[in-house]
């Protein structure tokens, strides 16, 4: 299992893990050929023609459970699960 597959599995694991690092999410998005436009901590991301806004974590390098749920919903809307 690749690093991106492990990150994707962690994102969709229930209950959400509190140990997903932002650098791993960035790696996954790059692997998915996402178009990313940064505006400070806000990222305008396009994957498979679906646009969304993501936020880099403000404190620490890991995502909160709410951020993971938001990322999960965005990826699901993109047809990725």
PDB file of N, CA and C in Angstrom:
ATOM      1  N   UNK A   1       0.850  -1.179   0.000  1.00  0.00           N
ATOM      2  CA  UNK A   1       0.000   0.000   0.000  1.00  0.00           C
ATOM      3  C   UNK A   1       0.895   1.242   0.000  1.00  0.00           C
ATOM      4  N   UNK A   2       0.626   2.149  -0.939  1.00  0.00           N
ATOM      5  CA  UNK A   2       1.428   3.359  -1.049  1.00  0.00           C
ATOM      6  C   UNK A   2       1.085   4.350   0.062  1.00  0.00           C
ATOM      7  N   UNK A   3       1.945   5.343   0.210  1.00  0.00           N
ATOM      8  CA  UNK A   3       1.721   6.376   1.228  1.00  0.00           C
ATOM      9  C   UNK A   3       0.395   7.103   0.976  1.00  0.00           C
ATOM     10  N   UNK A   4       0.092   7.388  -0.295  1.00  0.00           N
ATOM     11  CA  UNK A   4      -1.149   8.083  -0.623  1.00  0.00           C
ATOM     12  C   UNK A   4      -2.362   7.214  -0.302  1.00  0.00           C
ATOM     13  N   UNK A   5      -2.267   5.897  -0.549  1.00  0.00           N
ATOM     14  CA  UNK A   5      -3.371   4.999  -0.230  1.00  0.00           C
ATOM     15  C   UNK A   5      -3.600   4.937   1.282  1.00  0.00           C
ATOM     16  N   UNK A   6      -2.517   4.947   2.044  1.00  0.00           N
ATOM     17  CA  UNK A   6      -2.637   4.944   3.503  1.00  0.00           C
ATOM     18  C   UNK A   6      -3.281   6.232   3.998  1.00  0.00           C
ATOM     19  N   UNK A   7      -2.897   7.360   3.406  1.00  0.00           N
ATOM     20  CA  UNK A   7      -3.482   8.645   3.791  1.00  0.00           C
ATOM     21  C   UNK A   7      -4.972   8.661   3.457  1.00  0.00           C
ATOM     22  N   UNK A   8      -5.324   8.182   2.272  1.00  0.00           N
ATOM     23  CA  UNK A   8      -6.727   8.144   1.868  1.00  0.00           C
ATOM     24  C   UNK A   8      -7.538   7.239   2.797  1.00  0.00           C
ATOM     25  N   UNK A   9      -6.984   6.088   3.160  1.00  0.00           N
ATOM     26  CA  UNK A   9      -7.667   5.179   4.081  1.00  0.00           C
ATOM     27  C   UNK A   9      -7.861   5.849   5.441  1.00  0.00           C
ATOM     28  N   UNK A  10      -6.868   6.598   5.897  1.00  0.00           N
ATOM     29  CA  UNK A  10      -6.969   7.288   7.190  1.00  0.00           C
ATOM     30  C   UNK A  10      -8.042   8.377   7.138  1.00  0.00           C
ATOM     31  N   UNK A  11      -8.145   9.072   6.017  1.00  0.00           N
ATOM     32  CA  UNK A  11      -9.147  10.132   5.871  1.00  0.00           C
ATOM     33  C   UNK A  11     -10.559   9.562   5.950  1.00  0.00           C
ATOM     34  N   UNK A  12     -10.771   8.384   5.347  1.00  0.00           N
ATOM     35  CA  UNK A  12     -12.115   7.796   5.307  1.00  0.00           C
ATOM     36  C   UNK A  12     -12.379   6.829   6.456  1.00  0.00           C
ATOM     37  N   UNK A  13     -11.419   6.663   7.364  1.00  0.00           N
ATOM     38  CA  UNK A  13     -11.624   5.782   8.510  1.00  0.00           C
ATOM     39  C   UNK A  13     -12.616   6.414   9.475  1.00  0.00           C
ATOM     40  N   UNK A  14     -13.473   5.575  10.057  1.00  0.00           N
ATOM     41  CA  UNK A  14     -14.433   6.080  11.038  1.00  0.00           C
ATOM     42  C   UNK A  14     -14.170   5.422  12.369  1.00  0.00           C
ATOM     43  N   UNK A  15     -14.055   6.125  13.453  1.00  0.00           N
ATOM     44  CA  UNK A  15     -14.125   7.581  13.576  1.00  0.00           C
ATOM     45  C   UNK A  15     -12.869   8.241  13.007  1.00  0.00           C
ATOM     46  N   UNK A  16     -12.961   9.519  12.659  1.00  0.00           N
ATOM     47  CA  UNK A  16     -11.809  10.208  12.067  1.00  0.00           C
ATOM     48  C   UNK A  16     -10.579  10.146  12.978  1.00  0.00           C
ATOM     49  N   UNK A  17      -9.444   9.890  12.360  1.00  0.00           N
ATOM     50  CA  UNK A  17      -8.177   9.861  13.088  1.00  0.00           C
ATOM     51  C   UNK A  17      -7.767  11.286  13.429  1.00  0.00           C
ATOM     52  N   UNK A  18      -7.068  11.449  14.520  1.00  0.00           N
ATOM     53  CA  UNK A  18      -6.563  12.784  14.862  1.00  0.00           C
ATOM     54  C   UNK A  18      -5.063  12.865  14.577  1.00  0.00           C
ATOM     55  N   UNK A  19      -4.586  11.975  13.709  1.00  0.00           N
ATOM     56  CA  UNK A  19      -3.156  11.907  13.447  1.00  0.00           C
ATOM     57  C   UNK A  19      -2.858  11.966  11.952  1.00  0.00           C
ATOM     58  N   UNK A  20      -3.597  12.791  11.209  1.00  0.00           N
ATOM     59  CA  UNK A  20      -3.336  12.957   9.784  1.00  0.00           C
ATOM     60  C   UNK A  20      -2.573  14.255   9.606  1.00  0.00           C
ATOM     61  N   UNK A  21      -1.398  14.152   9.039  1.00  0.00           N
ATOM     62  CA  UNK A  21      -0.522  15.308   8.870  1.00  0.00           C
ATOM     63  C   UNK A  21      -0.833  16.036   7.566  1.00  0.00           C
ATOM     64  N   UNK A  22      -0.770  17.353   7.624  1.00  0.00           N
ATOM     65  CA  UNK A  22      -1.072  18.172   6.454  1.00  0.00           C
ATOM     66  C   UNK A  22      -0.136  17.848   5.295  1.00  0.00           C
ATOM     67  N   UNK A  23       1.127  17.583   5.570  1.00  0.00           N
ATOM     68  CA  UNK A  23       2.077  17.276   4.481  1.00  0.00           C
ATOM     69  C   UNK A  23       1.637  16.020   3.726  1.00  0.00           C
ATOM     70  N   UNK A  24       1.014  15.055   4.425  1.00  0.00           N
ATOM     71  CA  UNK A  24       0.513  13.852   3.766  1.00  0.00           C
ATOM     72  C   UNK A  24      -0.693  14.175   2.891  1.00  0.00           C
ATOM     73  N   UNK A  25      -1.534  15.101   3.339  1.00  0.00           N
ATOM     74  CA  UNK A  25      -2.692  15.531   2.539  1.00  0.00           C
ATOM     75  C   UNK A  25      -2.206  16.244   1.283  1.00  0.00           C
ATOM     76  N   UNK A  26      -1.208  17.108   1.422  1.00  0.00           N
ATOM     77  CA  UNK A  26      -0.645  17.792   0.251  1.00  0.00           C
ATOM     78  C   UNK A  26      -0.074  16.792  -0.744  1.00  0.00           C
ATOM     79  N   UNK A  27       0.613  15.774  -0.236  1.00  0.00           N
ATOM     80  CA  UNK A  27       1.164  14.730  -1.094  1.00  0.00           C
ATOM     81  C   UNK A  27       0.047  13.994  -1.831  1.00  0.00           C
ATOM     82  N   UNK A  28      -1.044  13.684  -1.119  1.00  0.00           N
ATOM     83  CA  UNK A  28      -2.186  13.019  -1.740  1.00  0.00           C
ATOM     84  C   UNK A  28      -2.797  13.897  -2.828  1.00  0.00           C
ATOM     85  N   UNK A  29      -2.998  15.177  -2.529  1.00  0.00           N
ATOM     86  CA  UNK A  29      -3.577  16.093  -3.519  1.00  0.00           C
ATOM     87  C   UNK A  29      -2.695  16.189  -4.758  1.00  0.00           C
ATOM     88  N   UNK A  30      -1.387  16.245  -4.579  1.00  0.00           N
ATOM     89  CA  UNK A  30      -0.464  16.267  -5.721  1.00  0.00           C
ATOM     90  C   UNK A  30      -0.570  14.971  -6.512  1.00  0.00           C
ATOM     91  N   UNK A  31      -0.684  13.852  -5.815  1.00  0.00           N
ATOM     92  CA  UNK A  31      -0.829  12.546  -6.464  1.00  0.00           C
ATOM     93  C   UNK A  31      -2.113  12.490  -7.300  1.00  0.00           C
ATOM     94  N   UNK A  32      -3.154  13.176  -6.841  1.00  0.00           N
ATOM     95  CA  UNK A  32      -4.441  13.226  -7.540  1.00  0.00           C
ATOM     96  C   UNK A  32      -4.461  14.284  -8.646  1.00  0.00           C
ATOM     97  N   UNK A  33      -3.307  14.915  -8.898  1.00  0.00           N
ATOM     98  CA  UNK A  33      -3.181  15.970  -9.908  1.00  0.00           C
ATOM     99  C   UNK A  33      -4.122  17.134  -9.643  1.00  0.00           C
ATOM    100  N   UNK A  34      -4.269  17.484  -8.376  1.00  0.00           N
ATOM    101  CA  UNK A  34      -5.128  18.604  -7.995  1.00  0.00           C
ATOM    102  C   UNK A  34      -4.503  19.917  -8.440  1.00  0.00           C
ATOM    103  N   UNK A  35      -5.360  20.832  -8.856  1.00  0.00           N
ATOM    104  CA  UNK A  35      -4.934  22.206  -9.106  1.00  0.00           C
ATOM    105  C   UNK A  35      -5.144  22.959  -7.806  1.00  0.00           C
ATOM    106  N   UNK A  36      -4.087  23.589  -7.299  1.00  0.00           N
ATOM    107  CA  UNK A  36      -4.156  24.258  -6.003  1.00  0.00           C
ATOM    108  C   UNK A  36      -3.715  25.701  -6.157  1.00  0.00           C
ATOM    109  N   UNK A  37      -4.567  26.613  -5.694  1.00  0.00           N
ATOM    110  CA  UNK A  37      -4.227  28.037  -5.661  1.00  0.00           C
ATOM    111  C   UNK A  37      -4.322  28.460  -4.199  1.00  0.00           C
ATOM    112  N   UNK A  38      -3.194  28.902  -3.648  1.00  0.00           N
ATOM    113  CA  UNK A  38      -3.146  29.266  -2.226  1.00  0.00           C
ATOM    114  C   UNK A  38      -3.445  30.744  -2.040  1.00  0.00           C
ATOM    115  N   UNK A  39      -4.244  31.026  -1.016  1.00  0.00           N
ATOM    116  CA  UNK A  39      -4.532  32.385  -0.560  1.00  0.00           C
ATOM    117  C   UNK A  39      -4.289  32.374   0.947  1.00  0.00           C
ATOM    118  N   UNK A  40      -3.037  32.475   1.341  1.00  0.00           N
ATOM    119  CA  UNK A  40      -2.697  32.350   2.753  1.00  0.00           C
ATOM    120  C   UNK A  40      -2.934  30.920   3.197  1.00  0.00           C
ATOM    121  N   UNK A  41      -3.716  30.741   4.260  1.00  0.00           N
ATOM    122  CA  UNK A  41      -4.016  29.397   4.765  1.00  0.00           C
ATOM    123  C   UNK A  41      -5.153  28.741   3.987  1.00  0.00           C
ATOM    124  N   UNK A  42      -5.858  29.516   3.156  1.00  0.00           N
ATOM    125  CA  UNK A  42      -6.952  28.956   2.358  1.00  0.00           C
ATOM    126  C   UNK A  42      -6.413  28.465   1.024  1.00  0.00           C
ATOM    127  N   UNK A  43      -6.917  27.311   0.620  1.00  0.00           N
ATOM    128  CA  UNK A  43      -6.517  26.733  -0.656  1.00  0.00           C
ATOM    129  C   UNK A  43      -7.757  26.512  -1.509  1.00  0.00           C
ATOM    130  N   UNK A  44      -7.713  27.014  -2.729  1.00  0.00           N
ATOM    131  CA  UNK A  44      -8.763  26.721  -3.695  1.00  0.00           C
ATOM    132  C   UNK A  44      -8.261  25.502  -4.460  1.00  0.00           C
ATOM    133  N   UNK A  45      -8.961  24.378  -4.328  1.00  0.00           N
ATOM    134  CA  UNK A  45      -8.507  23.103  -4.870  1.00  0.00           C
ATOM    135  C   UNK A  45      -9.502  22.597  -5.895  1.00  0.00           C
ATOM    136  N   UNK A  46      -8.985  22.110  -7.031  1.00  0.00           N
ATOM    137  CA  UNK A  46      -9.823  21.491  -8.053  1.00  0.00           C
ATOM    138  C   UNK A  46      -9.302  20.087  -8.315  1.00  0.00           C
ATOM    139  N   UNK A  47     -10.190  19.101  -8.168  1.00  0.00           N
ATOM    140  CA  UNK A  47      -9.864  17.699  -8.434  1.00  0.00           C
ATOM    141  C   UNK A  47     -10.998  17.122  -9.270  1.00  0.00           C
ATOM    142  N   UNK A  48     -10.659  16.505 -10.391  1.00  0.00           N
ATOM    143  CA  UNK A  48     -11.668  15.892 -11.276  1.00  0.00           C
ATOM    144  C   UNK A  48     -12.771  16.873 -11.645  1.00  0.00           C
ATOM    145  N   UNK A  49     -12.418  18.147 -11.821  1.00  0.00           N
ATOM    146  CA  UNK A  49     -13.392  19.162 -12.213  1.00  0.00           C
ATOM    147  C   UNK A  49     -14.241  19.708 -11.081  1.00  0.00           C
ATOM    148  N   UNK A  50     -14.037  19.205  -9.864  1.00  0.00           N
ATOM    149  CA  UNK A  50     -14.798  19.671  -8.704  1.00  0.00           C
ATOM    150  C   UNK A  50     -13.949  20.660  -7.924  1.00  0.00           C
ATOM    151  N   UNK A  51     -14.514  21.832  -7.649  1.00  0.00           N
ATOM    152  CA  UNK A  51     -13.794  22.873  -6.926  1.00  0.00           C
ATOM    153  C   UNK A  51     -14.209  22.902  -5.465  1.00  0.00           C
ATOM    154  N   UNK A  52     -13.241  23.211  -4.604  1.00  0.00           N
ATOM    155  CA  UNK A  52     -13.540  23.328  -3.191  1.00  0.00           C
ATOM    156  C   UNK A  52     -12.491  24.169  -2.490  1.00  0.00           C
ATOM    157  N   UNK A  53     -12.804  24.536  -1.268  1.00  0.00           N
ATOM    158  CA  UNK A  53     -11.872  25.296  -0.440  1.00  0.00           C
ATOM    159  C   UNK A  53     -11.415  24.410   0.715  1.00  0.00           C
ATOM    160  N   UNK A  54     -10.122  24.365   0.926  1.00  0.00           N
ATOM    161  CA  UNK A  54      -9.540  23.659   2.064  1.00  0.00           C
ATOM    162  C   UNK A  54      -8.708  24.655   2.845  1.00  0.00           C
ATOM    163  N   UNK A  55      -8.434  24.339   4.089  1.00  0.00           N
ATOM    164  CA  UNK A  55      -7.664  25.220   4.949  1.00  0.00           C
ATOM    165  C   UNK A  55      -6.490  24.453   5.540  1.00  0.00           C
ATOM    166  N   UNK A  56      -5.318  25.059   5.469  1.00  0.00           N
ATOM    167  CA  UNK A  56      -4.175  24.479   6.170  1.00  0.00           C
ATOM    168  C   UNK A  56      -4.428  24.610   7.666  1.00  0.00           C
ATOM    169  N   UNK A  57      -3.986  23.628   8.444  1.00  0.00           N
ATOM    170  CA  UNK A  57      -4.167  23.733   9.905  1.00  0.00           C
ATOM    171  C   UNK A  57      -3.453  24.970  10.446  1.00  0.00           C
ATOM    172  N   UNK A  58      -4.105  25.670  11.351  1.00  0.00           N
ATOM    173  CA  UNK A  58      -3.511  26.880  11.922  1.00  0.00           C
ATOM    174  C   UNK A  58      -2.549  26.566  13.047  1.00  0.00           C
ATOM    175  N   UNK A  59      -2.846  25.532  13.817  1.00  0.00           N
ATOM    176  CA  UNK A  59      -2.001  25.193  14.961  1.00  0.00           C
ATOM    177  C   UNK A  59      -1.513  23.765  14.782  1.00  0.00           C
ATOM    178  N   UNK A  60      -0.220  23.611  14.659  1.00  0.00           N
ATOM    179  CA  UNK A  60       0.326  22.276  14.506  1.00  0.00           C
ATOM    180  C   UNK A  60       0.241  21.787  13.076  1.00  0.00           C
ATOM    181  N   UNK A  61       0.715  20.589  12.863  1.00  0.00           N
ATOM    182  CA  UNK A  61       0.795  20.045  11.517  1.00  0.00           C
ATOM    183  C   UNK A  61      -0.272  19.000  11.241  1.00  0.00           C
ATOM    184  N   UNK A  62      -1.148  18.710  12.217  1.00  0.00           N
ATOM    185  CA  UNK A  62      -2.173  17.694  12.009  1.00  0.00           C
ATOM    186  C   UNK A  62      -3.540  18.348  11.846  1.00  0.00           C
ATOM    187  N   UNK A  63      -4.419  17.640  11.151  1.00  0.00           N
ATOM    188  CA  UNK A  63      -5.761  18.143  10.906  1.00  0.00           C
ATOM    189  C   UNK A  63      -6.678  17.817  12.079  1.00  0.00           C
ATOM    190  N   UNK A  64      -7.594  18.731  12.354  1.00  0.00           N
ATOM    191  CA  UNK A  64      -8.614  18.467  13.368  1.00  0.00           C
ATOM    192  C   UNK A  64      -9.634  17.495  12.780  1.00  0.00           C
ATOM    193  N   UNK A  65     -10.466  16.935  13.633  1.00  0.00           N
ATOM    194  CA  UNK A  65     -11.493  16.009  13.151  1.00  0.00           C
ATOM    195  C   UNK A  65     -12.476  16.719  12.225  1.00  0.00           C
ATOM    196  N   UNK A  66     -12.777  17.975  12.501  1.00  0.00           N
ATOM    197  CA  UNK A  66     -13.674  18.747  11.630  1.00  0.00           C
ATOM    198  C   UNK A  66     -13.027  18.958  10.256  1.00  0.00           C
ATOM    199  N   UNK A  67     -11.730  19.256  10.237  1.00  0.00           N
ATOM    200  CA  UNK A  67     -11.016  19.438   8.968  1.00  0.00           C
ATOM    201  C   UNK A  67     -10.978  18.131   8.181  1.00  0.00           C
ATOM    202  N   UNK A  68     -10.829  17.013   8.871  1.00  0.00           N
ATOM    203  CA  UNK A  68     -10.819  15.710   8.208  1.00  0.00           C
ATOM    204  C   UNK A  68     -12.190  15.418   7.606  1.00  0.00           C
ATOM    205  N   UNK A  69     -13.263  15.706   8.342  1.00  0.00           N
ATOM    206  CA  UNK A  69     -14.611  15.494   7.814  1.00  0.00           C
ATOM    207  C   UNK A  69     -14.848  16.357   6.570  1.00  0.00           C
ATOM    208  N   UNK A  70     -14.392  17.599   6.603  1.00  0.00           N
ATOM    209  CA  UNK A  70     -14.543  18.493   5.450  1.00  0.00           C
ATOM    210  C   UNK A  70     -13.754  17.946   4.249  1.00  0.00           C
ATOM    211  N   UNK A  71     -12.527  17.499   4.488  1.00  0.00           N
ATOM    212  CA  UNK A  71     -11.701  16.930   3.425  1.00  0.00           C
ATOM    213  C   UNK A  71     -12.358  15.675   2.861  1.00  0.00           C
ATOM    214  N   UNK A  72     -12.889  14.833   3.733  1.00  0.00           N
ATOM    215  CA  UNK A  72     -13.575  13.603   3.319  1.00  0.00           C
ATOM    216  C   UNK A  72     -14.756  13.945   2.407  1.00  0.00           C
ATOM    217  N   UNK A  73     -15.560  14.935   2.797  1.00  0.00           N
ATOM    218  CA  UNK A  73     -16.713  15.334   1.982  1.00  0.00           C
ATOM    219  C   UNK A  73     -16.271  15.864   0.622  1.00  0.00           C
ATOM    220  N   UNK A  74     -15.198  16.650   0.614  1.00  0.00           N
ATOM    221  CA  UNK A  74     -14.694  17.191  -0.662  1.00  0.00           C
ATOM    222  C   UNK A  74     -14.211  16.059  -1.564  1.00  0.00           C
ATOM    223  N   UNK A  75     -13.423  15.135  -1.031  1.00  0.00           N
ATOM    224  CA  UNK A  75     -12.906  14.032  -1.845  1.00  0.00           C
ATOM    225  C   UNK A  75     -14.043  13.150  -2.366  1.00  0.00           C
ATOM    226  N   UNK A  76     -15.046  12.912  -1.537  1.00  0.00           N
ATOM    227  CA  UNK A  76     -16.194  12.111  -1.961  1.00  0.00           C
ATOM    228  C   UNK A  76     -16.931  12.807  -3.113  1.00  0.00           C
ATOM    229  N   UNK A  77     -17.074  14.131  -3.029  1.00  0.00           N
ATOM    230  CA  UNK A  77     -17.710  14.892  -4.100  1.00  0.00           C
ATOM    231  C   UNK A  77     -16.915  14.803  -5.399  1.00  0.00           C
ATOM    232  N   UNK A  78     -15.605  14.584  -5.270  1.00  0.00           N
ATOM    233  CA  UNK A  78     -14.713  14.452  -6.427  1.00  0.00           C
ATOM    234  C   UNK A  78     -14.733  13.022  -6.983  1.00  0.00           C
ATOM    235  N   UNK A  79     -15.467  12.123  -6.330  1.00  0.00           N
ATOM    236  CA  UNK A  79     -15.523  10.736  -6.778  1.00  0.00           C
ATOM    237  C   UNK A  79     -14.390   9.879  -6.244  1.00  0.00           C
ATOM    238  N   UNK A  80     -13.742  10.342  -5.161  1.00  0.00           N
ATOM    239  CA  UNK A  80     -12.612   9.628  -4.584  1.00  0.00           C
ATOM    240  C   UNK A  80     -13.031   9.115  -3.213  1.00  0.00           C
ATOM    241  N   UNK A  81     -12.841   7.819  -3.012  1.00  0.00           N
ATOM    242  CA  UNK A  81     -13.181   7.254  -1.697  1.00  0.00           C
ATOM    243  C   UNK A  81     -12.234   6.111  -1.371  1.00  0.00           C
TER     244      UNK A  81
END
